[in-house]
Amino acid sequence: MEYVYAVMWLLVGLILIFRMGKENRVFYFTGAFFLVLGGWWMANALTPMDLFAGAWGLVLRVITAAALVVACLVFWKTYRADQAAFEKKKAQEKEEGQKGTETPAQDEGDQEKW
């Protein structure tokens, strides 16, 4: 079962890098983290050592925490930028809606005669 997890993490990393990397550069970093995680699982499966316990487990936890902090910061920054853009668009639409309620003066020549 450890091999399945290793392959799964490697595939997730490759998908993030090659498919999602074009959307946002953070996916390159996140994909690299998943490649490291896949390599870690594979090394754990192939070696007699338990790489999830002791000092090696602590190293993995630190790497995971760093990746999570970076991903959360990028998400927060992107979310805030999207919220600001949404609020700006909403304010513009409201402003345009108020302008549309005003009735402009029309000349008699501009009116259609039925």
PDB file of N, CA and C in Angstrom:
ATOM      1  N   MET A   1       0.821  -1.197   0.000  1.00  0.00           N
ATOM      2  CA  MET A   1       0.000   0.000   0.000  1.00  0.00           C
ATOM      3  C   MET A   1       0.862   1.258   0.000  1.00  0.00           C
ATOM      4  N   GLU A   2       2.044   1.168   0.558  1.00  0.00           N
ATOM      5  CA  GLU A   2       2.919   2.342   0.593  1.00  0.00           C
ATOM      6  C   GLU A   2       3.320   2.777  -0.817  1.00  0.00           C
ATOM      7  N   TYR A   3       3.427   1.802  -1.726  1.00  0.00           N
ATOM      8  CA  TYR A   3       3.790   2.151  -3.103  1.00  0.00           C
ATOM      9  C   TYR A   3       2.666   2.929  -3.780  1.00  0.00           C
ATOM     10  N   VAL A   4       1.439   2.579  -3.443  1.00  0.00           N
ATOM     11  CA  VAL A   4       0.289   3.288  -4.026  1.00  0.00           C
ATOM     12  C   VAL A   4       0.306   4.755  -3.581  1.00  0.00           C
ATOM     13  N   TYR A   5       0.546   4.983  -2.293  1.00  0.00           N
ATOM     14  CA  TYR A   5       0.631   6.356  -1.798  1.00  0.00           C
ATOM     15  C   TYR A   5       1.785   7.110  -2.455  1.00  0.00           C
ATOM     16  N   ALA A   6       2.910   6.451  -2.608  1.00  0.00           N
ATOM     17  CA  ALA A   6       4.062   7.105  -3.229  1.00  0.00           C
ATOM     18  C   ALA A   6       3.743   7.531  -4.657  1.00  0.00           C
ATOM     19  N   VAL A   7       3.149   6.629  -5.416  1.00  0.00           N
ATOM     20  CA  VAL A   7       2.798   6.951  -6.802  1.00  0.00           C
ATOM     21  C   VAL A   7       1.727   8.042  -6.839  1.00  0.00           C
ATOM     22  N   MET A   8       0.758   7.966  -5.913  1.00  0.00           N
ATOM     23  CA  MET A   8      -0.305   8.974  -5.872  1.00  0.00           C
ATOM     24  C   MET A   8       0.276  10.361  -5.613  1.00  0.00           C
ATOM     25  N   TRP A   9       1.177  10.483  -4.626  1.00  0.00           N
ATOM     26  CA  TRP A   9       1.764  11.794  -4.325  1.00  0.00           C
ATOM     27  C   TRP A   9       2.598  12.296  -5.503  1.00  0.00           C
ATOM     28  N   LEU A  10       3.311  11.390  -6.158  1.00  0.00           N
ATOM     29  CA  LEU A  10       4.105  11.804  -7.321  1.00  0.00           C
ATOM     30  C   LEU A  10       3.203  12.306  -8.443  1.00  0.00           C
ATOM     31  N   LEU A  11       2.097  11.600  -8.690  1.00  0.00           N
ATOM     32  CA  LEU A  11       1.167  12.046  -9.731  1.00  0.00           C
ATOM     33  C   LEU A  11       0.526  13.388  -9.391  1.00  0.00           C
ATOM     34  N   VAL A  12       0.161  13.566  -8.134  1.00  0.00           N
ATOM     35  CA  VAL A  12      -0.416  14.851  -7.715  1.00  0.00           C
ATOM     36  C   VAL A  12       0.593  15.973  -7.941  1.00  0.00           C
ATOM     37  N   GLY A  13       1.842  15.731  -7.582  1.00  0.00           N
ATOM     38  CA  GLY A  13       2.885  16.732  -7.793  1.00  0.00           C
ATOM     39  C   GLY A  13       3.066  17.082  -9.251  1.00  0.00           C
ATOM     40  N   LEU A  14       3.084  16.074 -10.107  1.00  0.00           N
ATOM     41  CA  LEU A  14       3.242  16.327 -11.537  1.00  0.00           C
ATOM     42  C   LEU A  14       2.047  17.072 -12.117  1.00  0.00           C
ATOM     43  N   ILE A  15       0.854  16.712 -11.688  1.00  0.00           N
ATOM     44  CA  ILE A  15      -0.349  17.415 -12.159  1.00  0.00           C
ATOM     45  C   ILE A  15      -0.313  18.880 -11.729  1.00  0.00           C
ATOM     46  N   LEU A  16       0.065  19.115 -10.474  1.00  0.00           N
ATOM     47  CA  LEU A  16       0.124  20.497 -10.001  1.00  0.00           C
ATOM     48  C   LEU A  16       1.154  21.307 -10.778  1.00  0.00           C
ATOM     49  N   ILE A  17       2.277  20.713 -11.067  1.00  0.00           N
ATOM     50  CA  ILE A  17       3.335  21.444 -11.770  1.00  0.00           C
ATOM     51  C   ILE A  17       2.961  21.696 -13.230  1.00  0.00           C
ATOM     52  N   PHE A  18       2.549  20.657 -13.934  1.00  0.00           N
ATOM     53  CA  PHE A  18       2.362  20.800 -15.374  1.00  0.00           C
ATOM     54  C   PHE A  18       0.982  21.293 -15.789  1.00  0.00           C
ATOM     55  N   ARG A  19      -0.042  21.016 -15.008  1.00  0.00           N
ATOM     56  CA  ARG A  19      -1.378  21.457 -15.376  1.00  0.00           C
ATOM     57  C   ARG A  19      -1.771  22.764 -14.696  1.00  0.00           C
ATOM     58  N   MET A  20      -1.474  22.874 -13.410  1.00  0.00           N
ATOM     59  CA  MET A  20      -1.949  24.008 -12.633  1.00  0.00           C
ATOM     60  C   MET A  20      -0.915  25.129 -12.519  1.00  0.00           C
ATOM     61  N   GLY A  21       0.327  24.851 -12.851  1.00  0.00           N
ATOM     62  CA  GLY A  21       1.374  25.846 -12.721  1.00  0.00           C
ATOM     63  C   GLY A  21       1.139  27.088 -13.556  1.00  0.00           C
ATOM     64  N   LYS A  22       0.407  26.931 -14.649  1.00  0.00           N
ATOM     65  CA  LYS A  22       0.138  28.076 -15.516  1.00  0.00           C
ATOM     66  C   LYS A  22      -0.852  29.046 -14.880  1.00  0.00           C
ATOM     67  N   GLU A  23      -1.711  28.526 -13.998  1.00  0.00           N
ATOM     68  CA  GLU A  23      -2.686  29.390 -13.323  1.00  0.00           C
ATOM     69  C   GLU A  23      -2.038  30.286 -12.276  1.00  0.00           C
ATOM     70  N   ASN A  24      -1.168  29.684 -11.468  1.00  0.00           N
ATOM     71  CA  ASN A  24      -0.527  30.422 -10.392  1.00  0.00           C
ATOM     72  C   ASN A  24       0.817  29.762 -10.108  1.00  0.00           C
ATOM     73  N   ARG A  25       1.826  30.569  -9.874  1.00  0.00           N
ATOM     74  CA  ARG A  25       3.169  30.033  -9.650  1.00  0.00           C
ATOM     75  C   ARG A  25       3.294  29.245  -8.357  1.00  0.00           C
ATOM     76  N   VAL A  26       2.373  29.431  -7.427  1.00  0.00           N
ATOM     77  CA  VAL A  26       2.457  28.696  -6.168  1.00  0.00           C
ATOM     78  C   VAL A  26       2.290  27.196  -6.410  1.00  0.00           C
ATOM     79  N   PHE A  27       1.641  26.813  -7.503  1.00  0.00           N
ATOM     80  CA  PHE A  27       1.459  25.395  -7.779  1.00  0.00           C
ATOM     81  C   PHE A  27       2.782  24.712  -8.128  1.00  0.00           C
ATOM     82  N   TYR A  28       3.758  25.459  -8.606  1.00  0.00           N
ATOM     83  CA  TYR A  28       5.083  24.868  -8.809  1.00  0.00           C
ATOM     84  C   TYR A  28       5.683  24.466  -7.467  1.00  0.00           C
ATOM     85  N   PHE A  29       5.572  25.358  -6.497  1.00  0.00           N
ATOM     86  CA  PHE A  29       6.083  25.068  -5.163  1.00  0.00           C
ATOM     87  C   PHE A  29       5.313  23.918  -4.518  1.00  0.00           C
ATOM     88  N   THR A  30       3.985  23.973  -4.620  1.00  0.00           N
ATOM     89  CA  THR A  30       3.152  22.936  -4.018  1.00  0.00           C
ATOM     90  C   THR A  30       3.382  21.590  -4.708  1.00  0.00           C
ATOM     91  N   GLY A  31       3.519  21.617  -6.014  1.00  0.00           N
ATOM     92  CA  GLY A  31       3.813  20.384  -6.743  1.00  0.00           C
ATOM     93  C   GLY A  31       5.152  19.803  -6.343  1.00  0.00           C
ATOM     94  N   ALA A  32       6.139  20.663  -6.144  1.00  0.00           N
ATOM     95  CA  ALA A  32       7.452  20.187  -5.690  1.00  0.00           C
ATOM     96  C   ALA A  32       7.343  19.555  -4.304  1.00  0.00           C
ATOM     97  N   PHE A  33       6.517  20.137  -3.448  1.00  0.00           N
ATOM     98  CA  PHE A  33       6.307  19.539  -2.127  1.00  0.00           C
ATOM     99  C   PHE A  33       5.730  18.132  -2.262  1.00  0.00           C
ATOM    100  N   PHE A  34       4.745  17.958  -3.127  1.00  0.00           N
ATOM    101  CA  PHE A  34       4.151  16.636  -3.304  1.00  0.00           C
ATOM    102  C   PHE A  34       5.139  15.646  -3.934  1.00  0.00           C
ATOM    103  N   LEU A  35       6.020  16.136  -4.794  1.00  0.00           N
ATOM    104  CA  LEU A  35       7.067  15.254  -5.321  1.00  0.00           C
ATOM    105  C   LEU A  35       7.992  14.791  -4.192  1.00  0.00           C
ATOM    106  N   VAL A  36       8.348  15.707  -3.298  1.00  0.00           N
ATOM    107  CA  VAL A  36       9.169  15.344  -2.134  1.00  0.00           C
ATOM    108  C   VAL A  36       8.414  14.340  -1.262  1.00  0.00           C
ATOM    109  N   LEU A  37       7.136  14.583  -1.062  1.00  0.00           N
ATOM    110  CA  LEU A  37       6.328  13.678  -0.251  1.00  0.00           C
ATOM    111  C   LEU A  37       6.252  12.287  -0.888  1.00  0.00           C
ATOM    112  N   GLY A  38       6.088  12.243  -2.205  1.00  0.00           N
ATOM    113  CA  GLY A  38       6.077  10.954  -2.904  1.00  0.00           C
ATOM    114  C   GLY A  38       7.410  10.236  -2.787  1.00  0.00           C
ATOM    115  N   GLY A  39       8.490  10.990  -2.920  1.00  0.00           N
ATOM    116  CA  GLY A  39       9.818  10.398  -2.739  1.00  0.00           C
ATOM    117  C   GLY A  39      10.016   9.892  -1.311  1.00  0.00           C
ATOM    118  N   TRP A  40       9.479  10.638  -0.357  1.00  0.00           N
ATOM    119  CA  TRP A  40       9.589  10.244   1.054  1.00  0.00           C
ATOM    120  C   TRP A  40       8.858   8.923   1.305  1.00  0.00           C
ATOM    121  N   TRP A  41       7.641   8.804   0.771  1.00  0.00           N
ATOM    122  CA  TRP A  41       6.882   7.567   0.925  1.00  0.00           C
ATOM    123  C   TRP A  41       7.595   6.406   0.233  1.00  0.00           C
ATOM    124  N   MET A  42       8.149   6.669  -0.951  1.00  0.00           N
ATOM    125  CA  MET A  42       8.853   5.609  -1.677  1.00  0.00           C
ATOM    126  C   MET A  42      10.100   5.184  -0.913  1.00  0.00           C
ATOM    127  N   ALA A  43      10.851   6.139  -0.391  1.00  0.00           N
ATOM    128  CA  ALA A  43      12.048   5.805   0.393  1.00  0.00           C
ATOM    129  C   ALA A  43      11.663   5.040   1.651  1.00  0.00           C
ATOM    130  N   ASN A  44      10.554   5.398   2.258  1.00  0.00           N
ATOM    131  CA  ASN A  44      10.091   4.680   3.443  1.00  0.00           C
ATOM    132  C   ASN A  44       9.723   3.236   3.098  1.00  0.00           C
ATOM    133  N   ALA A  45       9.153   3.029   1.917  1.00  0.00           N
ATOM    134  CA  ALA A  45       8.765   1.680   1.500  1.00  0.00           C
ATOM    135  C   ALA A  45       9.975   0.834   1.143  1.00  0.00           C
ATOM    136  N   LEU A  46      11.016   1.456   0.609  1.00  0.00           N
ATOM    137  CA  LEU A  46      12.176   0.702   0.132  1.00  0.00           C
ATOM    138  C   LEU A  46      13.259   0.488   1.178  1.00  0.00           C
ATOM    139  N   THR A  47      13.284   1.289   2.222  1.00  0.00           N
ATOM    140  CA  THR A  47      14.322   1.156   3.238  1.00  0.00           C
ATOM    141  C   THR A  47      13.742   0.526   4.506  1.00  0.00           C
ATOM    142  N   PRO A  48      14.581  -0.096   5.301  1.00  0.00           N
ATOM    143  CA  PRO A  48      14.078  -0.697   6.543  1.00  0.00           C
ATOM    144  C   PRO A  48      13.802   0.343   7.636  1.00  0.00           C
ATOM    145  N   MET A  49      14.262   1.575   7.442  1.00  0.00           N
ATOM    146  CA  MET A  49      14.029   2.633   8.439  1.00  0.00           C
ATOM    147  C   MET A  49      12.596   3.142   8.353  1.00  0.00           C
ATOM    148  N   ASP A  50      12.099   3.615   9.488  1.00  0.00           N
ATOM    149  CA  ASP A  50      10.795   4.268   9.508  1.00  0.00           C
ATOM    150  C   ASP A  50      11.036   5.770   9.391  1.00  0.00           C
ATOM    151  N   LEU A  51      10.803   6.317   8.200  1.00  0.00           N
ATOM    152  CA  LEU A  51      11.085   7.730   7.953  1.00  0.00           C
ATOM    153  C   LEU A  51       9.994   8.663   8.482  1.00  0.00           C
ATOM    154  N   PHE A  52       8.948   8.094   9.067  1.00  0.00           N
ATOM    155  CA  PHE A  52       7.884   8.914   9.637  1.00  0.00           C
ATOM    156  C   PHE A  52       8.003   9.045  11.148  1.00  0.00           C
ATOM    157  N   ALA A  53       9.031   8.467  11.729  1.00  0.00           N
ATOM    158  CA  ALA A  53       9.226   8.521  13.183  1.00  0.00           C
ATOM    159  C   ALA A  53      10.596   9.117  13.488  1.00  0.00           C
ATOM    160  N   GLY A  54      10.755   9.600  14.683  1.00  0.00           N
ATOM    161  CA  GLY A  54      12.048  10.118  15.132  1.00  0.00           C
ATOM    162  C   GLY A  54      12.417  11.427  14.468  1.00  0.00           C
ATOM    163  N   ALA A  55      13.720  11.600  14.255  1.00  0.00           N
ATOM    164  CA  ALA A  55      14.228  12.847  13.670  1.00  0.00           C
ATOM    165  C   ALA A  55      13.743  13.027  12.233  1.00  0.00           C
ATOM    166  N   TRP A  56      13.682  11.931  11.470  1.00  0.00           N
ATOM    167  CA  TRP A  56      13.214  12.028  10.090  1.00  0.00           C
ATOM    168  C   TRP A  56      11.742  12.453  10.044  1.00  0.00           C
ATOM    169  N   GLY A  57      10.957  11.960  10.961  1.00  0.00           N
ATOM    170  CA  GLY A  57       9.551  12.369  11.044  1.00  0.00           C
ATOM    171  C   GLY A  57       9.412  13.843  11.369  1.00  0.00           C
ATOM    172  N   LEU A  58      10.297  14.337  12.240  1.00  0.00           N
ATOM    173  CA  LEU A  58      10.292  15.759  12.580  1.00  0.00           C
ATOM    174  C   LEU A  58      10.654  16.613  11.360  1.00  0.00           C
ATOM    175  N   VAL A  59      11.635  16.157  10.597  1.00  0.00           N
ATOM    176  CA  VAL A  59      12.024  16.878   9.372  1.00  0.00           C
ATOM    177  C   VAL A  59      10.839  16.957   8.415  1.00  0.00           C
ATOM    178  N   LEU A  60      10.132  15.847   8.244  1.00  0.00           N
ATOM    179  CA  LEU A  60       8.968  15.844   7.353  1.00  0.00           C
ATOM    180  C   LEU A  60       7.882  16.787   7.861  1.00  0.00           C
ATOM    181  N   ARG A  61       7.674  16.812   9.156  1.00  0.00           N
ATOM    182  CA  ARG A  61       6.665  17.709   9.723  1.00  0.00           C
ATOM    183  C   ARG A  61       7.034  19.178   9.508  1.00  0.00           C
ATOM    184  N   VAL A  62       8.300  19.505   9.635  1.00  0.00           N
ATOM    185  CA  VAL A  62       8.750  20.887   9.413  1.00  0.00           C
ATOM    186  C   VAL A  62       8.561  21.273   7.947  1.00  0.00           C
ATOM    187  N   ILE A  63       8.926  20.374   7.049  1.00  0.00           N
ATOM    188  CA  ILE A  63       8.746  20.638   5.614  1.00  0.00           C
ATOM    189  C   ILE A  63       7.262  20.815   5.304  1.00  0.00           C
ATOM    190  N   THR A  64       6.425  19.968   5.858  1.00  0.00           N
ATOM    191  CA  THR A  64       4.984  20.048   5.629  1.00  0.00           C
ATOM    192  C   THR A  64       4.407  21.348   6.191  1.00  0.00           C
ATOM    193  N   ALA A  65       4.838  21.733   7.382  1.00  0.00           N
ATOM    194  CA  ALA A  65       4.353  22.981   7.982  1.00  0.00           C
ATOM    195  C   ALA A  65       4.763  24.187   7.140  1.00  0.00           C
ATOM    196  N   ALA A  66       5.989  24.185   6.640  1.00  0.00           N
ATOM    197  CA  ALA A  66       6.452  25.291   5.794  1.00  0.00           C
ATOM    198  C   ALA A  66       5.627  25.364   4.507  1.00  0.00           C
ATOM    199  N   ALA A  67       5.369  24.224   3.888  1.00  0.00           N
ATOM    200  CA  ALA A  67       4.566  24.202   2.663  1.00  0.00           C
ATOM    201  C   ALA A  67       3.148  24.680   2.937  1.00  0.00           C
ATOM    202  N   LEU A  68       2.592  24.286   4.068  1.00  0.00           N
ATOM    203  CA  LEU A  68       1.242  24.707   4.415  1.00  0.00           C
ATOM    204  C   LEU A  68       1.172  26.206   4.674  1.00  0.00           C
ATOM    205  N   VAL A  69       2.155  26.751   5.351  1.00  0.00           N
ATOM    206  CA  VAL A  69       2.173  28.190   5.635  1.00  0.00           C
ATOM    207  C   VAL A  69       2.272  28.980   4.331  1.00  0.00           C
ATOM    208  N   VAL A  70       3.163  28.561   3.439  1.00  0.00           N
ATOM    209  CA  VAL A  70       3.308  29.262   2.160  1.00  0.00           C
ATOM    210  C   VAL A  70       2.014  29.181   1.356  1.00  0.00           C
ATOM    211  N   ALA A  71       1.408  28.007   1.279  1.00  0.00           N
ATOM    212  CA  ALA A  71       0.163  27.844   0.522  1.00  0.00           C
ATOM    213  C   ALA A  71      -0.953  28.690   1.123  1.00  0.00           C
ATOM    214  N   CYS A  72      -1.046  28.742   2.451  1.00  0.00           N
ATOM    215  CA  CYS A  72      -2.079  29.549   3.103  1.00  0.00           C
ATOM    216  C   CYS A  72      -1.866  31.039   2.862  1.00  0.00           C
ATOM    217  N   LEU A  73      -0.630  31.491   2.906  1.00  0.00           N
ATOM    218  CA  LEU A  73      -0.345  32.901   2.655  1.00  0.00           C
ATOM    219  C   LEU A  73      -0.706  33.295   1.229  1.00  0.00           C
ATOM    220  N   VAL A  74      -0.371  32.450   0.276  1.00  0.00           N
ATOM    221  CA  VAL A  74      -0.707  32.742  -1.121  1.00  0.00           C
ATOM    222  C   VAL A  74      -2.223  32.731  -1.306  1.00  0.00           C
ATOM    223  N   PHE A  75      -2.903  31.767  -0.683  1.00  0.00           N
ATOM    224  CA  PHE A  75      -4.365  31.729  -0.761  1.00  0.00           C
ATOM    225  C   PHE A  75      -4.968  32.997  -0.174  1.00  0.00           C
ATOM    226  N   TRP A  76      -4.481  33.410   0.980  1.00  0.00           N
ATOM    227  CA  TRP A  76      -5.002  34.603   1.637  1.00  0.00           C
ATOM    228  C   TRP A  76      -4.786  35.838   0.771  1.00  0.00           C
ATOM    229  N   LYS A  77      -3.594  35.950   0.192  1.00  0.00           N
ATOM    230  CA  LYS A  77      -3.279  37.100  -0.666  1.00  0.00           C
ATOM    231  C   LYS A  77      -4.185  37.114  -1.901  1.00  0.00           C
ATOM    232  N   THR A  78      -4.382  35.969  -2.521  1.00  0.00           N
ATOM    233  CA  THR A  78      -5.230  35.871  -3.697  1.00  0.00           C
ATOM    234  C   THR A  78      -6.688  36.152  -3.345  1.00  0.00           C
ATOM    235  N   TYR A  79      -7.131  35.632  -2.210  1.00  0.00           N
ATOM    236  CA  TYR A  79      -8.504  35.849  -1.760  1.00  0.00           C
ATOM    237  C   TYR A  79      -8.761  37.331  -1.518  1.00  0.00           C
ATOM    238  N   ARG A  80      -7.818  37.989  -0.870  1.00  0.00           N
ATOM    239  CA  ARG A  80      -7.974  39.424  -0.594  1.00  0.00           C
ATOM    240  C   ARG A  80      -8.016  40.228  -1.898  1.00  0.00           C
ATOM    241  N   ALA A  81      -7.175  39.876  -2.861  1.00  0.00           N
ATOM    242  CA  ALA A  81      -7.166  40.578  -4.144  1.00  0.00           C
ATOM    243  C   ALA A  81      -8.485  40.355  -4.883  1.00  0.00           C
ATOM    244  N   ASP A  82      -9.000  39.126  -4.848  1.00  0.00           N
ATOM    245  CA  ASP A  82     -10.276  38.835  -5.499  1.00  0.00           C
ATOM    246  C   ASP A  82     -11.423  39.584  -4.817  1.00  0.00           C
ATOM    247  N   GLN A  83     -11.398  39.648  -3.494  1.00  0.00           N
ATOM    248  CA  GLN A  83     -12.425  40.384  -2.762  1.00  0.00           C
ATOM    249  C   GLN A  83     -12.395  41.863  -3.116  1.00  0.00           C
ATOM    250  N   ALA A  84     -11.189  42.436  -3.198  1.00  0.00           N
ATOM    251  CA  ALA A  84     -11.064  43.854  -3.542  1.00  0.00           C
ATOM    252  C   ALA A  84     -11.585  44.105  -4.957  1.00  0.00           C
ATOM    253  N   ALA A  85     -11.270  43.213  -5.892  1.00  0.00           N
ATOM    254  CA  ALA A  85     -11.755  43.371  -7.261  1.00  0.00           C
ATOM    255  C   ALA A  85     -13.267  43.238  -7.318  1.00  0.00           C
ATOM    256  N   PHE A  86     -13.822  42.309  -6.546  1.00  0.00           N
ATOM    257  CA  PHE A  86     -15.274  42.129  -6.506  1.00  0.00           C
ATOM    258  C   PHE A  86     -15.962  43.369  -5.943  1.00  0.00           C
ATOM    259  N   GLU A  87     -15.429  43.909  -4.864  1.00  0.00           N
ATOM    260  CA  GLU A  87     -16.017  45.107  -4.256  1.00  0.00           C
ATOM    261  C   GLU A  87     -15.936  46.298  -5.213  1.00  0.00           C
ATOM    262  N   LYS A  88     -14.820  46.408  -5.920  1.00  0.00           N
ATOM    263  CA  LYS A  88     -14.664  47.509  -6.875  1.00  0.00           C
ATOM    264  C   LYS A  88     -15.678  47.374  -8.015  1.00  0.00           C
ATOM    265  N   LYS A  89     -15.856  46.147  -8.505  1.00  0.00           N
ATOM    266  CA  LYS A  89     -16.814  45.918  -9.580  1.00  0.00           C
ATOM    267  C   LYS A  89     -18.234  46.185  -9.105  1.00  0.00           C
ATOM    268  N   LYS A  90     -18.535  45.772  -7.889  1.00  0.00           N
ATOM    269  CA  LYS A  90     -19.860  45.999  -7.326  1.00  0.00           C
ATOM    270  C   LYS A  90     -20.141  47.494  -7.180  1.00  0.00           C
ATOM    271  N   ALA A  91     -19.136  48.249  -6.734  1.00  0.00           N
ATOM    272  CA  ALA A  91     -19.293  49.700  -6.589  1.00  0.00           C
ATOM    273  C   ALA A  91     -19.493  50.361  -7.955  1.00  0.00           C
ATOM    274  N   GLN A  92     -18.784  49.888  -8.976  1.00  0.00           N
ATOM    275  CA  GLN A  92     -18.947  50.452 -10.312  1.00  0.00           C
ATOM    276  C   GLN A  92     -20.339  50.166 -10.856  1.00  0.00           C
ATOM    277  N   GLU A  93     -20.820  48.939 -10.640  1.00  0.00           N
ATOM    278  CA  GLU A  93     -22.161  48.598 -11.115  1.00  0.00           C
ATOM    279  C   GLU A  93     -23.217  49.430 -10.399  1.00  0.00           C
ATOM    280  N   LYS A  94     -23.027  49.658  -9.117  1.00  0.00           N
ATOM    281  CA  LYS A  94     -23.971  50.474  -8.361  1.00  0.00           C
ATOM    282  C   LYS A  94     -23.959  51.909  -8.878  1.00  0.00           C
ATOM    283  N   GLU A  95     -22.755  52.410  -9.163  1.00  0.00           N
ATOM    284  CA  GLU A  95     -22.617  53.772  -9.686  1.00  0.00           C
ATOM    285  C   GLU A  95     -23.265  53.886 -11.058  1.00  0.00           C
ATOM    286  N   GLU A  96     -23.077  52.890 -11.914  1.00  0.00           N
ATOM    287  CA  GLU A  96     -23.694  52.903 -13.238  1.00  0.00           C
ATOM    288  C   GLU A  96     -25.208  52.779 -13.137  1.00  0.00           C
ATOM    289  N   GLY A  97     -25.678  52.014 -12.166  1.00  0.00           N
ATOM    290  CA  GLY A  97     -27.122  51.865 -11.963  1.00  0.00           C
ATOM    291  C   GLY A  97     -27.766  53.173 -11.551  1.00  0.00           C
ATOM    292  N   GLN A  98     -27.066  53.967 -10.751  1.00  0.00           N
ATOM    293  CA  GLN A  98     -27.598  55.258 -10.337  1.00  0.00           C
ATOM    294  C   GLN A  98     -27.619  56.228 -11.504  1.00  0.00           C
ATOM    295  N   LYS A  99     -26.650  56.136 -12.377  1.00  0.00           N
ATOM    296  CA  LYS A  99     -26.634  57.009 -13.552  1.00  0.00           C
ATOM    297  C   LYS A  99     -27.758  56.633 -14.514  1.00  0.00           C
ATOM    298  N   GLY A 100     -28.091  55.345 -14.587  1.00  0.00           N
ATOM    299  CA  GLY A 100     -29.138  54.887 -15.499  1.00  0.00           C
ATOM    300  C   GLY A 100     -30.528  55.296 -15.081  1.00  0.00           C
ATOM    301  N   THR A 101     -30.729  55.631 -13.811  1.00  0.00           N
ATOM    302  CA  THR A 101     -32.059  56.033 -13.345  1.00  0.00           C
ATOM    303  C   THR A 101     -32.373  57.477 -13.690  1.00  0.00           C
ATOM    304  N   GLU A 102     -31.371  58.264 -13.985  1.00  0.00           N
ATOM    305  CA  GLU A 102     -31.597  59.654 -14.373  1.00  0.00           C
ATOM    306  C   GLU A 102     -32.180  59.679 -15.780  1.00  0.00           C
ATOM    307  N   THR A 103     -33.179  60.512 -16.011  1.00  0.00           N
ATOM    308  CA  THR A 103     -33.785  60.593 -17.338  1.00  0.00           C
ATOM    309  C   THR A 103     -33.169  61.763 -18.084  1.00  0.00           C
ATOM    310  N   PRO A 104     -32.504  61.473 -19.162  1.00  0.00           N
ATOM    311  CA  PRO A 104     -31.894  62.562 -19.925  1.00  0.00           C
ATOM    312  C   PRO A 104     -32.963  63.335 -20.706  1.00  0.00           C
ATOM    313  N   ALA A 105     -32.721  64.603 -20.892  1.00  0.00           N
ATOM    314  CA  ALA A 105     -33.648  65.443 -21.660  1.00  0.00           C
ATOM    315  C   ALA A 105     -33.532  65.060 -23.123  1.00  0.00           C
ATOM    316  N   GLN A 106     -34.691  64.879 -23.756  1.00  0.00           N
ATOM    317  CA  GLN A 106     -34.687  64.492 -25.157  1.00  0.00           C
ATOM    318  C   GLN A 106     -35.273  65.627 -25.993  1.00  0.00           C
ATOM    319  N   ASP A 107     -34.700  65.764 -27.155  1.00  0.00           N
ATOM    320  CA  ASP A 107     -35.232  66.753 -28.090  1.00  0.00           C
ATOM    321  C   ASP A 107     -36.471  66.169 -28.766  1.00  0.00           C
ATOM    322  N   GLU A 108     -37.357  67.064 -29.237  1.00  0.00           N
ATOM    323  CA  GLU A 108     -38.555  66.574 -29.904  1.00  0.00           C
ATOM    324  C   GLU A 108     -38.217  65.856 -31.186  1.00  0.00           C
ATOM    325  N   GLY A 109     -37.156  66.205 -31.811  1.00  0.00           N
ATOM    326  CA  GLY A 109     -36.773  65.570 -33.073  1.00  0.00           C
ATOM    327  C   GLY A 109     -36.233  64.161 -32.868  1.00  0.00           C
ATOM    328  N   ASP A 110     -35.795  63.839 -31.671  1.00  0.00           N
ATOM    329  CA  ASP A 110     -35.244  62.526 -31.411  1.00  0.00           C
ATOM    330  C   ASP A 110     -36.316  61.487 -31.109  1.00  0.00           C
ATOM    331  N   GLN A 111     -37.523  61.931 -30.771  1.00  0.00           N
ATOM    332  CA  GLN A 111     -38.577  61.007 -30.395  1.00  0.00           C
ATOM    333  C   GLN A 111     -39.209  60.419 -31.645  1.00  0.00           C
ATOM    334  N   GLU A 112     -39.554  59.125 -31.525  1.00  0.00           N
ATOM    335  CA  GLU A 112     -40.230  58.475 -32.642  1.00  0.00           C
ATOM    336  C   GLU A 112     -41.691  58.889 -32.635  1.00  0.00           C
ATOM    337  N   LYS A 113     -42.239  59.035 -33.806  1.00  0.00           N
ATOM    338  CA  LYS A 113     -43.649  59.397 -33.909  1.00  0.00           C
ATOM    339  C   LYS A 113     -44.389  58.173 -34.416  1.00  0.00           C
ATOM    340  N   TRP A 114     -45.416  57.808 -33.701  1.00  0.00           N
ATOM    341  CA  TRP A 114     -46.187  56.630 -34.082  1.00  0.00           C
ATOM    342  C   TRP A 114     -47.404  57.059 -34.760  1.00  0.00           C
TER     343      TRP A 114
END
